[in-house]
């Protein structure tokens, strides 16, 4: 086996492996925010506040993670905690 054919075989195996791993996995795209929602989110001081605002707008935890680019577990942890009381 020559060098080129060995490299080609290795590339084919890598492609087959990545194809097998990706089969059946479909990722959803992040939902679009309205202009008003974008402005509101932009003006919030923390990620926690942004997560809570979007949850209040009816977005699911997974959608909030997609919109903000944060991990699902981060969003979930924030939303499961009670919001801090204002003035403290």
N, C-alpha and C. Protein backbone atom coordinates (compact mmCIF):
# COMPACT_ATOMS: atom_id res chain seq x y z
N UNK A 1 0.86 -1.18 0.00
CA UNK A 1 0.00 0.00 0.00
C UNK A 1 0.90 1.23 0.00
N UNK A 2 0.64 2.15 -0.91
CA UNK A 2 1.45 3.35 -0.99
C UNK A 2 1.00 4.37 0.06
N UNK A 3 1.82 5.41 0.22
CA UNK A 3 1.50 6.45 1.20
C UNK A 3 0.17 7.13 0.87
N UNK A 4 -0.01 7.44 -0.42
CA UNK A 4 -1.22 8.15 -0.83
C UNK A 4 -2.48 7.32 -0.60
N UNK A 5 -2.42 6.03 -0.92
CA UNK A 5 -3.61 5.22 -0.73
C UNK A 5 -3.88 4.99 0.76
N UNK A 6 -2.84 4.93 1.58
CA UNK A 6 -3.03 4.79 3.03
C UNK A 6 -3.68 6.06 3.60
N UNK A 7 -3.23 7.20 3.12
CA UNK A 7 -3.80 8.47 3.58
C UNK A 7 -5.26 8.59 3.13
N UNK A 8 -5.52 8.14 1.90
CA UNK A 8 -6.89 8.20 1.39
C UNK A 8 -7.80 7.27 2.18
N UNK A 9 -7.29 6.09 2.52
CA UNK A 9 -8.08 5.14 3.30
C UNK A 9 -8.38 5.71 4.69
N UNK A 10 -7.37 6.33 5.29
CA UNK A 10 -7.55 6.93 6.62
C UNK A 10 -8.59 8.05 6.56
N UNK A 11 -8.55 8.87 5.51
CA UNK A 11 -9.52 9.95 5.34
C UNK A 11 -10.93 9.39 5.16
N UNK A 12 -11.04 8.29 4.38
CA UNK A 12 -12.35 7.66 4.18
C UNK A 12 -12.91 7.11 5.49
N UNK A 13 -12.04 6.52 6.31
CA UNK A 13 -12.47 5.99 7.60
C UNK A 13 -12.94 7.11 8.52
N UNK A 14 -12.21 8.23 8.52
CA UNK A 14 -12.59 9.37 9.36
C UNK A 14 -13.94 9.93 8.91
N UNK A 15 -14.16 10.00 7.61
CA UNK A 15 -15.44 10.49 7.09
C UNK A 15 -16.57 9.55 7.48
N UNK A 16 -16.34 8.27 7.35
CA UNK A 16 -17.36 7.29 7.70
C UNK A 16 -17.69 7.36 9.19
N UNK A 17 -16.67 7.54 10.01
CA UNK A 17 -16.89 7.63 11.46
C UNK A 17 -17.69 8.88 11.80
N UNK A 18 -17.31 10.02 11.23
CA UNK A 18 -18.04 11.25 11.56
C UNK A 18 -19.46 11.19 11.03
N UNK A 19 -19.66 10.57 9.88
CA UNK A 19 -21.01 10.43 9.33
C UNK A 19 -21.85 9.54 10.24
N UNK A 20 -21.26 8.46 10.73
CA UNK A 20 -21.99 7.55 11.61
C UNK A 20 -22.37 8.25 12.91
N UNK A 21 -21.50 9.09 13.42
CA UNK A 21 -21.79 9.80 14.66
C UNK A 21 -22.90 10.84 14.48
N UNK A 22 -22.96 11.43 13.30
CA UNK A 22 -23.93 12.49 13.06
C UNK A 22 -25.26 12.00 12.53
N UNK A 23 -25.37 10.75 12.22
CA UNK A 23 -26.60 10.21 11.66
C UNK A 23 -27.74 10.32 12.66
N UNK A 24 -28.83 10.87 12.21
CA UNK A 24 -30.01 10.95 13.06
C UNK A 24 -30.02 12.11 14.03
N UNK A 25 -28.97 12.89 14.08
CA UNK A 25 -28.93 14.02 15.01
C UNK A 25 -29.30 15.27 14.24
N UNK A 26 -30.40 15.86 14.64
CA UNK A 26 -30.82 17.10 14.00
C UNK A 26 -30.87 18.19 15.05
N UNK A 27 -30.14 19.24 14.83
CA UNK A 27 -30.09 20.35 15.78
C UNK A 27 -31.09 21.41 15.35
N UNK A 28 -31.81 21.92 16.32
CA UNK A 28 -32.74 23.02 16.03
C UNK A 28 -31.96 24.32 16.00
N UNK A 29 -32.46 25.23 15.22
CA UNK A 29 -31.87 26.57 15.19
C UNK A 29 -32.52 27.40 16.28
N UNK A 30 -31.80 28.41 16.71
CA UNK A 30 -32.33 29.30 17.75
C UNK A 30 -33.50 30.08 17.17
N UNK A 31 -34.58 30.22 17.95
CA UNK A 31 -35.70 31.03 17.47
C UNK A 31 -35.31 32.50 17.38
N UNK A 32 -35.98 33.21 16.53
CA UNK A 32 -35.71 34.63 16.34
C UNK A 32 -36.41 35.45 17.42
N UNK A 33 -35.71 36.47 17.92
CA UNK A 33 -36.31 37.41 18.85
C UNK A 33 -36.83 38.60 18.07
N UNK A 34 -37.89 39.21 18.58
CA UNK A 34 -38.37 40.44 17.96
C UNK A 34 -37.38 41.56 18.29
N UNK A 35 -37.50 42.66 17.58
CA UNK A 35 -36.62 43.81 17.84
C UNK A 35 -36.77 44.29 19.28
N UNK A 36 -38.00 44.33 19.77
CA UNK A 36 -38.24 44.78 21.14
C UNK A 36 -37.58 43.84 22.14
N UNK A 37 -37.67 42.54 21.89
CA UNK A 37 -37.04 41.56 22.78
C UNK A 37 -35.52 41.69 22.72
N UNK A 38 -34.97 41.90 21.54
CA UNK A 38 -33.53 42.07 21.40
C UNK A 38 -33.05 43.27 22.21
N UNK A 39 -33.78 44.38 22.12
CA UNK A 39 -33.41 45.58 22.86
C UNK A 39 -33.51 45.35 24.36
N UNK A 40 -34.58 44.67 24.78
CA UNK A 40 -34.77 44.40 26.21
C UNK A 40 -33.65 43.52 26.75
N UNK A 41 -33.29 42.48 26.02
CA UNK A 41 -32.24 41.57 26.45
C UNK A 41 -30.90 42.29 26.49
N UNK A 42 -30.66 43.12 25.50
CA UNK A 42 -29.39 43.85 25.41
C UNK A 42 -29.20 44.77 26.62
N UNK A 43 -30.28 45.32 27.13
CA UNK A 43 -30.20 46.26 28.23
C UNK A 43 -30.11 45.63 29.61
N UNK A 44 -30.23 44.32 29.70
CA UNK A 44 -30.19 43.66 31.00
C UNK A 44 -28.74 43.48 31.47
N UNK A 45 -28.51 43.60 32.79
CA UNK A 45 -27.13 43.64 33.31
C UNK A 45 -26.42 42.29 33.42
N UNK A 46 -27.14 41.18 33.47
CA UNK A 46 -26.49 39.89 33.71
C UNK A 46 -27.13 38.80 32.85
N UNK A 47 -26.39 37.71 32.73
CA UNK A 47 -26.94 36.56 32.01
C UNK A 47 -28.18 36.03 32.72
N UNK A 48 -28.15 36.02 34.02
CA UNK A 48 -29.29 35.52 34.79
C UNK A 48 -30.55 36.32 34.47
N UNK A 49 -30.39 37.63 34.43
CA UNK A 49 -31.53 38.49 34.12
C UNK A 49 -32.04 38.23 32.70
N UNK A 50 -31.12 38.00 31.78
CA UNK A 50 -31.52 37.70 30.40
C UNK A 50 -32.27 36.38 30.33
N UNK A 51 -31.76 35.37 31.03
CA UNK A 51 -32.43 34.07 31.04
C UNK A 51 -33.84 34.20 31.60
N UNK A 52 -33.96 34.90 32.71
CA UNK A 52 -35.28 35.05 33.36
C UNK A 52 -36.24 35.85 32.49
N UNK A 53 -35.75 36.87 31.83
CA UNK A 53 -36.60 37.66 30.92
C UNK A 53 -37.13 36.77 29.81
N UNK A 54 -36.24 36.01 29.16
CA UNK A 54 -36.66 35.16 28.05
C UNK A 54 -37.62 34.05 28.52
N UNK A 55 -37.39 33.52 29.71
CA UNK A 55 -38.31 32.52 30.26
C UNK A 55 -39.68 33.15 30.49
N UNK A 56 -39.69 34.38 30.96
CA UNK A 56 -40.94 35.10 31.17
C UNK A 56 -41.67 35.39 29.87
N UNK A 57 -40.92 35.45 28.78
CA UNK A 57 -41.52 35.65 27.46
C UNK A 57 -42.05 34.35 26.86
N UNK A 58 -41.84 33.24 27.59
CA UNK A 58 -42.39 31.97 27.15
C UNK A 58 -41.42 31.06 26.42
N UNK A 59 -40.14 31.42 26.37
CA UNK A 59 -39.17 30.56 25.70
C UNK A 59 -38.79 29.38 26.58
N UNK A 60 -38.59 28.23 25.97
CA UNK A 60 -38.16 27.02 26.67
C UNK A 60 -36.68 27.15 27.03
N UNK A 61 -36.27 26.38 28.02
CA UNK A 61 -34.88 26.42 28.48
C UNK A 61 -33.90 26.15 27.34
N UNK A 62 -34.18 25.15 26.54
CA UNK A 62 -33.29 24.81 25.42
C UNK A 62 -33.21 25.95 24.41
N UNK A 63 -34.34 26.62 24.16
CA UNK A 63 -34.34 27.75 23.23
C UNK A 63 -33.54 28.92 23.80
N UNK A 64 -33.65 29.16 25.10
CA UNK A 64 -32.88 30.23 25.72
C UNK A 64 -31.39 29.94 25.59
N UNK A 65 -31.00 28.69 25.78
CA UNK A 65 -29.60 28.31 25.62
C UNK A 65 -29.14 28.54 24.17
N UNK A 66 -29.97 28.21 23.21
CA UNK A 66 -29.61 28.42 21.81
C UNK A 66 -29.50 29.91 21.49
N UNK A 67 -30.44 30.70 21.97
CA UNK A 67 -30.46 32.13 21.69
C UNK A 67 -29.22 32.81 22.26
N UNK A 68 -28.87 32.48 23.50
CA UNK A 68 -27.78 33.17 24.18
C UNK A 68 -26.41 32.54 23.91
N UNK A 69 -26.40 31.31 23.42
CA UNK A 69 -25.13 30.63 23.19
C UNK A 69 -24.53 30.05 24.46
N UNK A 70 -25.32 29.99 25.51
CA UNK A 70 -24.86 29.41 26.78
C UNK A 70 -25.29 27.96 26.85
N UNK A 71 -24.70 27.23 27.76
CA UNK A 71 -25.04 25.81 27.91
C UNK A 71 -26.42 25.66 28.56
N UNK A 72 -27.10 24.59 28.16
CA UNK A 72 -28.42 24.30 28.68
C UNK A 72 -28.39 24.22 30.21
N UNK A 73 -27.37 23.56 30.76
CA UNK A 73 -27.30 23.37 32.21
C UNK A 73 -27.16 24.69 32.95
N UNK A 74 -26.42 25.64 32.38
CA UNK A 74 -26.28 26.96 32.99
C UNK A 74 -27.64 27.65 33.06
N UNK A 75 -28.34 27.65 31.93
CA UNK A 75 -29.67 28.28 31.89
C UNK A 75 -30.61 27.58 32.87
N UNK A 76 -30.61 26.28 32.88
CA UNK A 76 -31.49 25.51 33.75
C UNK A 76 -31.21 25.81 35.23
N UNK A 77 -29.93 25.85 35.60
CA UNK A 77 -29.57 26.14 36.99
C UNK A 77 -30.07 27.51 37.42
N UNK A 78 -29.92 28.50 36.55
CA UNK A 78 -30.38 29.85 36.88
C UNK A 78 -31.90 29.88 37.04
N UNK A 79 -32.60 29.25 36.12
CA UNK A 79 -34.07 29.31 36.15
C UNK A 79 -34.66 28.51 37.31
N UNK A 80 -33.94 27.54 37.82
CA UNK A 80 -34.44 26.76 38.95
C UNK A 80 -34.26 27.48 40.28
N UNK A 81 -33.37 28.47 40.32
CA UNK A 81 -33.15 29.23 41.55
C UNK A 81 -34.14 30.38 41.61
N UNK A 82 -34.62 30.73 42.81
CA UNK A 82 -35.50 31.89 42.89
C UNK A 82 -34.75 33.16 42.54
N UNK A 83 -35.44 34.08 41.93
CA UNK A 83 -34.82 35.35 41.57
C UNK A 83 -34.45 36.11 42.84
N UNK A 84 -33.32 36.80 42.85
CA UNK A 84 -32.96 37.57 44.03
C UNK A 84 -33.96 38.69 44.27
N UNK A 85 -34.17 39.01 45.51
CA UNK A 85 -35.10 40.09 45.86
C UNK A 85 -34.44 41.41 45.55
N UNK A 86 -35.18 42.32 44.99
CA UNK A 86 -34.59 43.62 44.64
C UNK A 86 -34.27 44.41 45.92
N UNK A 87 -33.20 45.20 45.84
CA UNK A 87 -32.81 46.03 46.96
C UNK A 87 -31.87 45.34 47.91
N UNK A 88 -31.45 44.13 47.61
CA UNK A 88 -30.50 43.43 48.48
C UNK A 88 -29.19 43.23 47.81
